[in-house]
Amino acid sequence: MKKSWFVGAVAICWTGCGAVDGGEAMEPADPETVGRSAQALGNFAPLWSLENTVPLTLTSTRAMFAKWSGTCVESVLSVDLSSGSSSAMPFAPGVCRHVAAAAADTEVLVQDSGGNDVLRYTWIAEGVLGWIKVADTQGIPDGNLVMNASHVFWSDTAGVRRAPRSGGAPTTVKSASNAYLLALDGVWLYYTLPSGAGVQLRKVQLNGTADALLATYGAPITDLSFDSTHLYWPDNSGGTGRIMRLLKSTNAVSRVGSAAADRYYYTPRSTGSTLYAMFLEGSECWMNRRNLSSHHVNAEKSPWFVVPYEMRIGSDGVYTAGLYYNGGVYSGMVLRGDL
């Protein structure tokens, strides 16, 4: 999942930095200090870490990282979430690649802005050695790469596009030169189009029909998740962190709880009853748990300063892939925390 970011000693700026406020409606604000503890999260432990890697995506059993050499990605690393062991999927030597990724438990697909194509690597199902081109993109791909059982979807200068995961000619789902693909939810693809300082949040069916405007929001949206009733995204514009949501049945947009200055929210993920998110505050990293019925909040500090990139809620814990900062050195890291 793509995000725009820079990292300094403390200042971290992702997801709509400097944009105007979304002008959101608000439900009753809940103090973020309710249940807050300075104690380290129980069993919140690193499963894997390696310098010069950047997180790409998480599946139910694996985490994917890009391994950098100089200014180029030389390989994609697959990390087993049970054992912490990793395996490398190298690209051709000397080829400069800049990637985003989508993955299932048996394969990973990447969109490559160096070669303007979508590539697939299968390491279990077919025993394929090396990368296979799935489709050519039109211009440099942007946004997130998502997939279902049969197709992979991305956005490039032609719009929202798709191709068979097994390979084939791409087709255009939605023509738009500046579309930014966000997420796939069953038969719907969610994407944005620019609108002033913010975006139009839109959805379209996988076959290109029923394209609809959901909301116009006053800041960029680059990370979108969902449960059965809502869409969720973080907004850190203007140096104030907040989590937003849209009710699917009415398209009403509201803020989840309170906003906080000098706090940066990432990866809101919902089980339907509990909303998990990471946030950075100063030089500290916290995990936030919010009961969506009672609005009770519990926030606990991580022992590691990790810039969160992706989160997955599993039956045995909450997995977060991010960048670990330690004395000026950044490493990709997988953390597991308690539910």
C-alpha atoms as a PDB file:
ATOM      1  CA  MET A   1       0.000   0.000   0.000  1.00  0.00           C
ATOM      2  CA  LYS A   2       1.436   3.284  -1.078  1.00  0.00           C
ATOM      3  CA  LYS A   3       1.824   6.367   1.066  1.00  0.00           C
ATOM      4  CA  SER A   4       3.762   9.574   0.619  1.00  0.00           C
ATOM      5  CA  TRP A   5       6.178  10.120   3.460  1.00  0.00           C
ATOM      6  CA  PHE A   6       9.359  11.594   4.764  1.00  0.00           C
ATOM      7  CA  VAL A   7      11.041  10.813   8.049  1.00  0.00           C
ATOM      8  CA  GLY A   8      13.076  13.052  10.322  1.00  0.00           C
ATOM      9  CA  ALA A   9      14.227  12.593  13.871  1.00  0.00           C
ATOM     10  CA  VAL A  10      10.681  13.106  15.092  1.00  0.00           C
ATOM     11  CA  ALA A  11       8.658  14.693  12.297  1.00  0.00           C
ATOM     12  CA  ILE A  12       6.789  12.157  10.209  1.00  0.00           C
ATOM     13  CA  CYS A  13       4.316  13.227   7.592  1.00  0.00           C
ATOM     14  CA  TRP A  14       2.020  10.845   5.747  1.00  0.00           C
ATOM     15  CA  THR A  15      -1.501  11.004   4.374  1.00  0.00           C
ATOM     16  CA  GLY A  16      -2.518  14.505   3.458  1.00  0.00           C
ATOM     17  CA  CYS A  17       0.142  16.603   5.110  1.00  0.00           C
ATOM     18  CA  GLY A  18      -0.472  20.320   4.757  1.00  0.00           C
ATOM     19  CA  ALA A  19      -3.940  19.907   3.279  1.00  0.00           C
ATOM     20  CA  VAL A  20      -6.980  21.710   4.566  1.00  0.00           C
ATOM     21  CA  ASP A  21      -9.171  20.110   7.200  1.00  0.00           C
ATOM     22  CA  GLY A  22     -11.834  17.755   5.926  1.00  0.00           C
ATOM     23  CA  GLY A  23     -14.658  19.781   7.458  1.00  0.00           C
ATOM     24  CA  GLU A  24     -15.981  16.588   8.993  1.00  0.00           C
ATOM     25  CA  ALA A  25     -19.063  16.022  11.087  1.00  0.00           C
ATOM     26  CA  MET A  26     -18.287  14.737  14.553  1.00  0.00           C
ATOM     27  CA  GLU A  27     -19.728  12.195  16.925  1.00  0.00           C
ATOM     28  CA  PRO A  28     -19.225  12.906  20.647  1.00  0.00           C
ATOM     29  CA  ALA A  29     -15.505  13.204  21.306  1.00  0.00           C
ATOM     30  CA  ASP A  30     -13.958  10.667  23.661  1.00  0.00           C
ATOM     31  CA  PRO A  31     -10.789  11.522  25.591  1.00  0.00           C
ATOM     32  CA  GLU A  32      -7.934   9.571  24.060  1.00  0.00           C
ATOM     33  CA  THR A  33      -6.419   9.187  27.523  1.00  0.00           C
ATOM     34  CA  VAL A  34      -9.160   6.820  28.705  1.00  0.00           C
ATOM     35  CA  GLY A  35      -7.462   3.575  29.619  1.00  0.00           C
ATOM     36  CA  ARG A  36      -4.101   4.871  28.400  1.00  0.00           C
ATOM     37  CA  SER A  37      -1.070   3.119  29.851  1.00  0.00           C
ATOM     38  CA  ALA A  38       2.625   3.933  29.586  1.00  0.00           C
ATOM     39  CA  GLN A  39       3.411   0.250  30.019  1.00  0.00           C
ATOM     40  CA  ALA A  40       4.670  -1.697  27.037  1.00  0.00           C
ATOM     41  CA  LEU A  41       2.067  -3.747  25.220  1.00  0.00           C
ATOM     42  CA  GLY A  42       1.835  -7.293  26.495  1.00  0.00           C
ATOM     43  CA  ASN A  43       3.506  -9.702  24.054  1.00  0.00           C
ATOM     44  CA  PHE A  44       4.054  -6.805  21.629  1.00  0.00           C
ATOM     45  CA  ALA A  45       7.169  -8.260  20.088  1.00  0.00           C
ATOM     46  CA  PRO A  46       9.122  -7.974  16.831  1.00  0.00           C
ATOM     47  CA  LEU A  47       8.893 -11.080  14.654  1.00  0.00           C
ATOM     48  CA  TRP A  48      11.384  -9.916  12.031  1.00  0.00           C
ATOM     49  CA  SER A  49      13.550  -6.929  11.166  1.00  0.00           C
ATOM     50  CA  LEU A  50      16.142  -6.110   8.499  1.00  0.00           C
ATOM     51  CA  GLU A  51      17.936  -2.901   7.553  1.00  0.00           C
ATOM     52  CA  ASN A  52      17.300  -1.277   4.152  1.00  0.00           C
ATOM     53  CA  THR A  53      13.863  -2.823   3.745  1.00  0.00           C
ATOM     54  CA  VAL A  54      10.500  -1.119   3.346  1.00  0.00           C
ATOM     55  CA  PRO A  55       7.149  -2.774   4.149  1.00  0.00           C
ATOM     56  CA  LEU A  56       4.804  -3.518   1.255  1.00  0.00           C
ATOM     57  CA  THR A  57       1.836  -5.583   2.412  1.00  0.00           C
ATOM     58  CA  LEU A  58       0.538  -8.287   4.783  1.00  0.00           C
ATOM     59  CA  THR A  59      -1.410 -11.494   4.143  1.00  0.00           C
ATOM     60  CA  SER A  60      -2.833 -13.977   6.643  1.00  0.00           C
ATOM     61  CA  THR A  61       0.504 -15.819   6.828  1.00  0.00           C
ATOM     62  CA  ARG A  62       3.158 -13.544   5.313  1.00  0.00           C
ATOM     63  CA  ALA A  63       4.600 -10.034   5.278  1.00  0.00           C
ATOM     64  CA  MET A  64       6.193  -8.582   2.144  1.00  0.00           C
ATOM     65  CA  PHE A  65       9.109  -6.122   2.161  1.00  0.00           C
ATOM     66  CA  ALA A  66      11.061  -4.374  -0.581  1.00  0.00           C
ATOM     67  CA  LYS A  67      14.852  -4.778  -0.218  1.00  0.00           C
ATOM     68  CA  TRP A  68      16.717  -1.681  -1.347  1.00  0.00           C
ATOM     69  CA  SER A  69      20.167  -1.348  -2.877  1.00  0.00           C
ATOM     70  CA  GLY A  70      21.131   2.284  -3.368  1.00  0.00           C
ATOM     71  CA  THR A  71      18.046   3.955  -4.841  1.00  0.00           C
ATOM     72  CA  CYS A  72      16.514   0.816  -6.375  1.00  0.00           C
ATOM     73  CA  VAL A  73      14.592  -2.225  -5.157  1.00  0.00           C
ATOM     74  CA  GLU A  74      16.666  -5.348  -5.767  1.00  0.00           C
ATOM     75  CA  SER A  75      14.205  -7.942  -4.436  1.00  0.00           C
ATOM     76  CA  VAL A  76      10.993  -8.592  -2.543  1.00  0.00           C
ATOM     77  CA  LEU A  77      11.296 -10.470   0.753  1.00  0.00           C
ATOM     78  CA  SER A  78       8.571 -12.801   2.025  1.00  0.00           C
ATOM     79  CA  VAL A  79       8.468 -13.216   5.827  1.00  0.00           C
ATOM     80  CA  ASP A  80       6.587 -16.117   7.423  1.00  0.00           C
ATOM     81  CA  LEU A  81       4.525 -14.686  10.311  1.00  0.00           C
ATOM     82  CA  SER A  82       4.687 -17.935  12.287  1.00  0.00           C
ATOM     83  CA  SER A  83       8.400 -18.628  12.163  1.00  0.00           C
ATOM     84  CA  GLY A  84       9.867 -15.254  11.238  1.00  0.00           C
ATOM     85  CA  SER A  85      11.911 -16.889   8.459  1.00  0.00           C
ATOM     86  CA  SER A  86      12.301 -14.970   5.207  1.00  0.00           C
ATOM     87  CA  SER A  87      12.962 -15.766   1.557  1.00  0.00           C
ATOM     88  CA  ALA A  88      14.047 -13.437  -1.233  1.00  0.00           C
ATOM     89  CA  MET A  89      12.485 -12.978  -4.663  1.00  0.00           C
ATOM     90  CA  PRO A  90      15.179 -11.076  -6.605  1.00  0.00           C
ATOM     91  CA  PHE A  91      14.609  -8.939  -9.671  1.00  0.00           C
ATOM     92  CA  ALA A  92      16.935  -8.981 -12.657  1.00  0.00           C
ATOM     93  CA  PRO A  93      20.334  -7.457 -11.757  1.00  0.00           C
ATOM     94  CA  GLY A  94      20.761  -3.831 -12.716  1.00  0.00           C
ATOM     95  CA  VAL A  95      17.041  -3.134 -13.154  1.00  0.00           C
ATOM     96  CA  CYS A  96      15.837  -0.192 -11.070  1.00  0.00           C
ATOM     97  CA  ARG A  97      12.364  -0.848  -9.692  1.00  0.00           C
ATOM     98  CA  HIS A  98      10.037   1.109  -7.446  1.00  0.00           C
ATOM     99  CA  VAL A  99       7.171  -1.057  -6.296  1.00  0.00           C
ATOM    100  CA  ALA A 100       3.875  -1.385  -4.497  1.00  0.00           C
ATOM    101  CA  ALA A 101       2.484  -4.851  -3.884  1.00  0.00           C
ATOM    102  CA  ALA A 102      -0.536  -7.048  -3.314  1.00  0.00           C
ATOM    103  CA  ALA A 103      -0.231 -10.597  -2.094  1.00  0.00           C
ATOM    104  CA  ALA A 104      -2.034 -13.806  -1.314  1.00  0.00           C
ATOM    105  CA  ASP A 105      -0.547 -16.566   0.806  1.00  0.00           C
ATOM    106  CA  THR A 106       0.900 -18.257  -2.290  1.00  0.00           C
ATOM    107  CA  GLU A 107       2.012 -15.403  -4.506  1.00  0.00           C
ATOM    108  CA  VAL A 108       2.903 -11.743  -4.651  1.00  0.00           C
ATOM    109  CA  LEU A 109       2.225  -9.226  -7.413  1.00  0.00           C
ATOM    110  CA  VAL A 110       4.024  -5.918  -7.740  1.00  0.00           C
ATOM    111  CA  GLN A 111       3.414  -2.830  -9.813  1.00  0.00           C
ATOM    112  CA  ASP A 112       6.687  -1.467 -11.074  1.00  0.00           C
ATOM    113  CA  SER A 113       7.080   2.212 -11.878  1.00  0.00           C
ATOM    114  CA  GLY A 114      10.545   1.525 -13.283  1.00  0.00           C
ATOM    115  CA  GLY A 115       9.368  -0.859 -15.989  1.00  0.00           C
ATOM    116  CA  ASN A 116       5.706   0.253 -16.178  1.00  0.00           C
ATOM    117  CA  ASP A 117       4.350  -3.231 -15.693  1.00  0.00           C
ATOM    118  CA  VAL A 118       2.715  -5.603 -13.206  1.00  0.00           C
ATOM    119  CA  LEU A 119       4.776  -8.644 -12.289  1.00  0.00           C
ATOM    120  CA  ARG A 120       3.852 -11.883 -10.493  1.00  0.00           C
ATOM    121  CA  TYR A 121       5.943 -14.262  -8.402  1.00  0.00           C
ATOM    122  CA  THR A 122       4.443 -17.593  -7.274  1.00  0.00           C
ATOM    123  CA  TRP A 123       6.478 -19.603  -4.789  1.00  0.00           C
ATOM    124  CA  ILE A 124       4.058 -22.327  -3.677  1.00  0.00           C
ATOM    125  CA  ALA A 125       1.182 -23.012  -6.051  1.00  0.00           C
ATOM    126  CA  GLU A 126       3.152 -23.343  -9.293  1.00  0.00           C
ATOM    127  CA  GLY A 127       6.777 -23.454  -8.229  1.00  0.00           C
ATOM    128  CA  VAL A 128       7.627 -20.632 -10.617  1.00  0.00           C
ATOM    129  CA  LEU A 129      11.223 -19.454 -10.409  1.00  0.00           C
ATOM    130  CA  GLY A 130      11.531 -15.749 -11.126  1.00  0.00           C
ATOM    131  CA  TRP A 131       9.095 -13.010 -12.028  1.00  0.00           C
ATOM    132  CA  ILE A 132       6.469 -13.250 -14.779  1.00  0.00           C
ATOM    133  CA  LYS A 133       4.916 -10.202 -16.404  1.00  0.00           C
ATOM    134  CA  VAL A 134       1.151 -10.100 -15.874  1.00  0.00           C
ATOM    135  CA  ALA A 135       0.363  -6.908 -17.766  1.00  0.00           C
ATOM    136  CA  ASP A 136       1.793  -3.636 -19.027  1.00  0.00           C
ATOM    137  CA  THR A 137       0.649  -0.468 -17.309  1.00  0.00           C
ATOM    138  CA  GLN A 138       0.015   2.772 -19.148  1.00  0.00           C
ATOM    139  CA  GLY A 139       2.513   5.254 -17.818  1.00  0.00           C
ATOM    140  CA  ILE A 140       3.751   5.092 -14.237  1.00  0.00           C
ATOM    141  CA  PRO A 141       1.263   3.271 -11.970  1.00  0.00           C
ATOM    142  CA  ASP A 142       0.045   5.097  -8.879  1.00  0.00           C
ATOM    143  CA  GLY A 143      -2.153   4.190  -5.927  1.00  0.00           C
ATOM    144  CA  ASN A 144      -2.538   0.756  -4.382  1.00  0.00           C
ATOM    145  CA  LEU A 145      -2.381  -2.644  -6.004  1.00  0.00           C
ATOM    146  CA  VAL A 146      -5.272  -4.948  -5.007  1.00  0.00           C
ATOM    147  CA  MET A 147      -6.482  -8.327  -6.177  1.00  0.00           C
ATOM    148  CA  ASN A 148      -9.200 -10.944  -5.845  1.00  0.00           C
ATOM    149  CA  ALA A 149      -9.180 -14.625  -6.793  1.00  0.00           C
ATOM    150  CA  SER A 150      -9.041 -13.953 -10.531  1.00  0.00           C
ATOM    151  CA  HIS A 151      -7.790 -10.423 -11.241  1.00  0.00           C
ATOM    152  CA  VAL A 152      -5.318  -7.765 -10.150  1.00  0.00           C
ATOM    153  CA  PHE A 153      -6.362  -4.088 -10.119  1.00  0.00           C
ATOM    154  CA  TRP A 154      -4.292  -0.892 -10.194  1.00  0.00           C
ATOM    155  CA  SER A 155      -4.465   2.754 -11.293  1.00  0.00           C
ATOM    156  CA  ASP A 156      -2.243   4.432 -13.877  1.00  0.00           C
ATOM    157  CA  THR A 157      -2.509   7.307 -16.348  1.00  0.00           C
ATOM    158  CA  ALA A 158      -5.369   5.539 -18.161  1.00  0.00           C
ATOM    159  CA  GLY A 159      -7.476   5.176 -15.005  1.00  0.00           C
ATOM    160  CA  VAL A 160      -8.458   2.221 -12.836  1.00  0.00           C
ATOM    161  CA  ARG A 161      -7.314  -0.928 -14.637  1.00  0.00           C
ATOM    162  CA  ARG A 162      -7.410  -4.690 -14.264  1.00  0.00           C
ATOM    163  CA  ALA A 163      -5.854  -7.832 -15.743  1.00  0.00           C
ATOM    164  CA  PRO A 164      -6.102 -11.574 -15.032  1.00  0.00           C
ATOM    165  CA  ARG A 165      -3.704 -12.691 -12.312  1.00  0.00           C
ATOM    166  CA  SER A 166      -2.505 -15.394 -14.683  1.00  0.00           C
ATOM    167  CA  GLY A 167      -1.575 -12.730 -17.228  1.00  0.00           C
ATOM    168  CA  GLY A 168      -3.279 -11.064 -20.154  1.00  0.00           C
ATOM    169  CA  ALA A 169      -4.227  -7.801 -21.790  1.00  0.00           C
ATOM    170  CA  PRO A 170      -5.345  -5.123 -19.311  1.00  0.00           C
ATOM    171  CA  THR A 171      -8.782  -3.544 -19.525  1.00  0.00           C
ATOM    172  CA  THR A 172      -9.940  -0.207 -18.162  1.00  0.00           C
ATOM    173  CA  VAL A 173     -12.508  -0.286 -15.352  1.00  0.00           C
ATOM    174  CA  LYS A 174     -12.750   3.509 -15.038  1.00  0.00           C
ATOM    175  CA  SER A 175     -11.165   6.029 -17.398  1.00  0.00           C
ATOM    176  CA  ALA A 176      -9.533   8.845 -15.429  1.00  0.00           C
ATOM    177  CA  SER A 177      -5.983  10.126 -15.835  1.00  0.00           C
ATOM    178  CA  ASN A 178      -5.626  11.031 -12.147  1.00  0.00           C
ATOM    179  CA  ALA A 179      -7.440   8.209 -10.345  1.00  0.00           C
ATOM    180  CA  TYR A 180      -5.858   6.799  -7.177  1.00  0.00           C
ATOM    181  CA  LEU A 181      -6.981   3.258  -6.377  1.00  0.00           C
ATOM    182  CA  LEU A 182      -7.505   2.586  -2.662  1.00  0.00           C
ATOM    183  CA  ALA A 183      -9.199  -0.722  -1.877  1.00  0.00           C
ATOM    184  CA  LEU A 184     -11.284  -3.673  -3.078  1.00  0.00           C
ATOM    185  CA  ASP A 185     -14.407  -4.628  -1.103  1.00  0.00           C
ATOM    186  CA  GLY A 186     -16.255  -7.521  -2.726  1.00  0.00           C
ATOM    187  CA  VAL A 187     -17.713  -6.189  -5.998  1.00  0.00           C
ATOM    188  CA  TRP A 188     -16.615  -2.587  -5.351  1.00  0.00           C
ATOM    189  CA  LEU A 189     -13.379  -0.764  -6.037  1.00  0.00           C
ATOM    190  CA  TYR A 190     -12.815   2.428  -4.038  1.00  0.00           C
ATOM    191  CA  TYR A 191     -10.710   5.200  -5.549  1.00  0.00           C
ATOM    192  CA  THR A 192     -10.231   8.965  -5.419  1.00  0.00           C
ATOM    193  CA  LEU A 193     -10.104  11.819  -7.917  1.00  0.00           C
ATOM    194  CA  PRO A 194      -8.606  15.240  -7.104  1.00  0.00           C
ATOM    195  CA  SER A 195     -11.045  17.929  -5.974  1.00  0.00           C
ATOM    196  CA  GLY A 196      -9.476  21.255  -4.994  1.00  0.00           C
ATOM    197  CA  ALA A 197      -7.176  20.673  -2.027  1.00  0.00           C
ATOM    198  CA  GLY A 198      -8.897  17.362  -1.320  1.00  0.00           C
ATOM    199  CA  VAL A 199     -10.496  14.479  -3.179  1.00  0.00           C
ATOM    200  CA  GLN A 200     -13.688  12.899  -4.381  1.00  0.00           C
ATOM    201  CA  LEU A 201     -14.041   9.489  -2.737  1.00  0.00           C
ATOM    202  CA  ARG A 202     -15.752   7.221  -5.274  1.00  0.00           C
ATOM    203  CA  LYS A 203     -16.661   3.589  -5.910  1.00  0.00           C
ATOM    204  CA  VAL A 204     -17.135   1.555  -9.074  1.00  0.00           C
ATOM    205  CA  GLN A 205     -18.061  -2.077  -9.645  1.00  0.00           C
ATOM    206  CA  LEU A 206     -15.394  -4.449 -10.918  1.00  0.00           C
ATOM    207  CA  ASN A 207     -16.935  -4.478 -14.394  1.00  0.00           C
ATOM    208  CA  GLY A 208     -16.893  -0.664 -14.606  1.00  0.00           C
ATOM    209  CA  THR A 209     -20.588  -0.077 -13.926  1.00  0.00           C
ATOM    210  CA  ALA A 210     -22.389   1.878 -11.174  1.00  0.00           C
ATOM    211  CA  ASP A 211     -19.622   4.448 -10.736  1.00  0.00           C
ATOM    212  CA  ALA A 212     -20.716   6.738  -7.885  1.00  0.00           C
ATOM    213  CA  LEU A 213     -19.519   9.661  -5.792  1.00  0.00           C
ATOM    214  CA  LEU A 214     -19.538   8.814  -2.082  1.00  0.00           C
ATOM    215  CA  ALA A 215     -18.164  12.037  -0.577  1.00  0.00           C
ATOM    216  CA  THR A 216     -16.006  15.063  -1.282  1.00  0.00           C
ATOM    217  CA  TYR A 217     -13.333  15.332   1.376  1.00  0.00           C
ATOM    218  CA  GLY A 218     -10.986  18.230   2.036  1.00  0.00           C
ATOM    219  CA  ALA A 219      -7.713  16.290   2.339  1.00  0.00           C
ATOM    220  CA  PRO A 220      -6.022  13.465   0.404  1.00  0.00           C
ATOM    221  CA  ILE A 221      -6.915   9.860   1.248  1.00  0.00           C
ATOM    222  CA  THR A 222      -4.228   7.237   0.633  1.00  0.00           C
ATOM    223  CA  ASP A 223      -5.139   4.468   3.105  1.00  0.00           C
ATOM    224  CA  LEU A 224      -8.689   3.072   3.195  1.00  0.00           C
ATOM    225  CA  SER A 225     -10.076   0.090   5.092  1.00  0.00           C
ATOM    226  CA  PHE A 226     -13.584  -1.149   5.752  1.00  0.00           C
ATOM    227  CA  ASP A 227     -15.910  -3.391   7.732  1.00  0.00           C
ATOM    228  CA  SER A 228     -19.473  -4.391   6.865  1.00  0.00           C
ATOM    229  CA  THR A 229     -20.920  -0.953   7.649  1.00  0.00           C
ATOM    230  CA  HIS A 230     -18.187   1.692   7.292  1.00  0.00           C
ATOM    231  CA  LEU A 231     -15.106   2.867   5.420  1.00  0.00           C
ATOM    232  CA  TYR A 232     -12.204   4.197   7.544  1.00  0.00           C
ATOM    233  CA  TRP A 233      -9.181   6.372   6.794  1.00  0.00           C
ATOM    234  CA  PRO A 234      -6.595   8.440   8.721  1.00  0.00           C
ATOM    235  CA  ASP A 235      -6.241  12.200   8.222  1.00  0.00           C
ATOM    236  CA  ASN A 236      -3.160  13.942   9.615  1.00  0.00           C
ATOM    237  CA  SER A 237      -3.581  17.216   7.738  1.00  0.00           C
ATOM    238  CA  GLY A 238      -2.489  20.420   9.437  1.00  0.00           C
ATOM    239  CA  GLY A 239      -0.546  18.524  12.096  1.00  0.00           C
ATOM    240  CA  THR A 240      -3.752  17.263  13.729  1.00  0.00           C
ATOM    241  CA  GLY A 241      -4.473  13.531  13.683  1.00  0.00           C
ATOM    242  CA  ARG A 242      -7.945  12.093  13.315  1.00  0.00           C
ATOM    243  CA  ILE A 243      -9.635   8.927  12.085  1.00  0.00           C
ATOM    244  CA  MET A 244     -12.545   9.400   9.704  1.00  0.00           C
ATOM    245  CA  ARG A 245     -15.278   7.050   8.620  1.00  0.00           C
ATOM    246  CA  LEU A 246     -18.071   6.918   6.046  1.00  0.00           C
ATOM    247  CA  LEU A 247     -21.334   5.066   6.685  1.00  0.00           C
ATOM    248  CA  LYS A 248     -21.936   2.867   3.625  1.00  0.00           C
ATOM    249  CA  SER A 249     -25.724   3.036   3.843  1.00  0.00           C
ATOM    250  CA  THR A 250     -25.971   6.855   3.746  1.00  0.00           C
ATOM    251  CA  ASN A 251     -22.459   8.090   2.747  1.00  0.00           C
ATOM    252  CA  ALA A 252     -22.415  10.247   5.906  1.00  0.00           C
ATOM    253  CA  VAL A 253     -18.865  11.167   6.941  1.00  0.00           C
ATOM    254  CA  SER A 254     -17.957  11.525  10.613  1.00  0.00           C
ATOM    255  CA  ARG A 255     -14.888  11.638  12.818  1.00  0.00           C
ATOM    256  CA  VAL A 256     -14.257   8.701  15.127  1.00  0.00           C
ATOM    257  CA  GLY A 257     -13.643  10.190  18.564  1.00  0.00           C
ATOM    258  CA  SER A 258     -11.457  13.221  19.140  1.00  0.00           C
ATOM    259  CA  ALA A 259      -8.735  14.849  17.077  1.00  0.00           C
ATOM    260  CA  ALA A 260      -5.307  15.545  18.568  1.00  0.00           C
ATOM    261  CA  ALA A 261      -2.611  18.028  17.596  1.00  0.00           C
ATOM    262  CA  ASP A 262       0.888  16.651  16.955  1.00  0.00           C
ATOM    263  CA  ARG A 263      -0.456  13.116  16.714  1.00  0.00           C
ATOM    264  CA  TYR A 264      -0.268  11.059  13.517  1.00  0.00           C
ATOM    265  CA  TYR A 265      -2.697   8.180  12.960  1.00  0.00           C
ATOM    266  CA  TYR A 266      -2.071   5.168  10.721  1.00  0.00           C
ATOM    267  CA  THR A 267      -3.713   1.923   9.618  1.00  0.00           C
ATOM    268  CA  PRO A 268      -7.220   2.071  11.150  1.00  0.00           C
ATOM    269  CA  ARG A 269      -8.595  -1.471  10.905  1.00  0.00           C
ATOM    270  CA  SER A 270     -11.995  -2.600  12.203  1.00  0.00           C
ATOM    271  CA  THR A 271     -13.399  -5.956  13.278  1.00  0.00           C
ATOM    272  CA  GLY A 272     -16.892  -4.438  13.304  1.00  0.00           C
ATOM    273  CA  SER A 273     -16.839  -4.106  17.079  1.00  0.00           C
ATOM    274  CA  THR A 274     -13.294  -2.836  17.731  1.00  0.00           C
ATOM    275  CA  LEU A 275     -11.297  -0.283  15.776  1.00  0.00           C
ATOM    276  CA  TYR A 276      -7.522  -0.716  15.964  1.00  0.00           C
ATOM    277  CA  ALA A 277      -5.061   1.966  14.852  1.00  0.00           C
ATOM    278  CA  MET A 278      -1.471   2.971  15.446  1.00  0.00           C
ATOM    279  CA  PHE A 279      -0.453   6.529  16.215  1.00  0.00           C
ATOM    280  CA  LEU A 280       2.817   8.404  16.657  1.00  0.00           C
ATOM    281  CA  GLU A 281       3.151  11.142  19.264  1.00  0.00           C
ATOM    282  CA  GLY A 282       6.511  12.815  19.632  1.00  0.00           C
ATOM    283  CA  SER A 283       9.056  10.008  19.733  1.00  0.00           C
ATOM    284  CA  GLU A 284       6.537   7.403  20.940  1.00  0.00           C
ATOM    285  CA  CYS A 285       4.498   4.787  19.082  1.00  0.00           C
ATOM    286  CA  TRP A 286       1.102   3.680  20.444  1.00  0.00           C
ATOM    287  CA  MET A 287      -1.586   1.158  19.582  1.00  0.00           C
ATOM    288  CA  ASN A 288      -5.145   2.422  19.980  1.00  0.00           C
ATOM    289  CA  ARG A 289      -8.125   0.121  20.579  1.00  0.00           C
ATOM    290  CA  ARG A 290     -11.599   1.636  20.466  1.00  0.00           C
ATOM    291  CA  ASN A 291     -14.837  -0.164  21.293  1.00  0.00           C
ATOM    292  CA  LEU A 292     -17.160   1.076  18.545  1.00  0.00           C
ATOM    293  CA  SER A 293     -20.258   0.622  20.710  1.00  0.00           C
ATOM    294  CA  SER A 294     -19.161   2.078  24.051  1.00  0.00           C
ATOM    295  CA  HIS A 295     -16.435   4.338  22.557  1.00  0.00           C
ATOM    296  CA  HIS A 296     -14.112   3.219  25.342  1.00  0.00           C
ATOM    297  CA  VAL A 297     -10.504   3.765  24.290  1.00  0.00           C
ATOM    298  CA  ASN A 298      -7.441   1.865  25.414  1.00  0.00           C
ATOM    299  CA  ALA A 299      -4.035   3.028  24.189  1.00  0.00           C
ATOM    300  CA  GLU A 300      -0.751   1.331  25.062  1.00  0.00           C
ATOM    301  CA  LYS A 301       2.788   2.291  24.171  1.00  0.00           C
ATOM    302  CA  SER A 302       5.024   0.156  22.012  1.00  0.00           C
ATOM    303  CA  PRO A 303       8.616  -0.403  23.161  1.00  0.00           C
ATOM    304  CA  TRP A 304       9.718   0.342  19.577  1.00  0.00           C
ATOM    305  CA  PHE A 305       9.379   3.525  17.557  1.00  0.00           C
ATOM    306  CA  VAL A 306       7.855   2.076  14.377  1.00  0.00           C
ATOM    307  CA  VAL A 307       6.311   4.120  11.571  1.00  0.00           C
ATOM    308  CA  PRO A 308       3.263   1.953  10.769  1.00  0.00           C
ATOM    309  CA  TYR A 309       2.564   1.016   7.177  1.00  0.00           C
ATOM    310  CA  GLU A 310       0.091  -1.879   7.194  1.00  0.00           C
ATOM    311  CA  MET A 311      -1.951  -3.716   9.833  1.00  0.00           C
ATOM    312  CA  ARG A 312      -3.763  -7.042   9.789  1.00  0.00           C
ATOM    313  CA  ILE A 313      -6.052  -8.358  12.523  1.00  0.00           C
ATOM    314  CA  GLY A 314      -5.706 -12.102  12.943  1.00  0.00           C
ATOM    315  CA  SER A 315      -7.235 -14.618  15.299  1.00  0.00           C
ATOM    316  CA  ASP A 316      -4.039 -14.720  17.354  1.00  0.00           C
ATOM    317  CA  GLY A 317      -3.095 -11.035  17.418  1.00  0.00           C
ATOM    318  CA  VAL A 318      -2.646  -7.741  15.609  1.00  0.00           C
ATOM    319  CA  TYR A 319       0.209  -7.683  13.090  1.00  0.00           C
ATOM    320  CA  THR A 320       1.810  -4.398  12.044  1.00  0.00           C
ATOM    321  CA  ALA A 321       4.434  -3.917   9.341  1.00  0.00           C
ATOM    322  CA  GLY A 322       6.386  -0.690   9.534  1.00  0.00           C
ATOM    323  CA  LEU A 323       9.690   1.142   9.537  1.00  0.00           C
ATOM    324  CA  TYR A 324      11.732   0.901  12.737  1.00  0.00           C
ATOM    325  CA  TYR A 325      13.802   3.947  13.632  1.00  0.00           C
ATOM    326  CA  ASN A 326      16.941   3.421  15.700  1.00  0.00           C
ATOM    327  CA  GLY A 327      19.742   5.968  15.845  1.00  0.00           C
ATOM    328  CA  GLY A 328      19.268   7.223  12.307  1.00  0.00           C
ATOM    329  CA  VAL A 329      18.960   3.749  10.787  1.00  0.00           C
ATOM    330  CA  TYR A 330      15.630   2.526   9.388  1.00  0.00           C
ATOM    331  CA  SER A 331      14.669  -1.118   9.115  1.00  0.00           C
ATOM    332  CA  GLY A 332      11.533  -2.921   8.019  1.00  0.00           C
ATOM    333  CA  MET A 333       9.893  -4.639  10.987  1.00  0.00           C
ATOM    334  CA  VAL A 334       6.927  -6.908  11.710  1.00  0.00           C
ATOM    335  CA  LEU A 335       5.333  -6.523  15.153  1.00  0.00           C
ATOM    336  CA  ARG A 336       2.705  -8.702  16.792  1.00  0.00           C
ATOM    337  CA  GLY A 337       0.472  -7.307  19.551  1.00  0.00           C
ATOM    338  CA  ASP A 338      -2.358  -8.707  21.623  1.00  0.00           C
ATOM    339  CA  LEU A 339      -5.945  -8.316  20.471  1.00  0.00           C
END
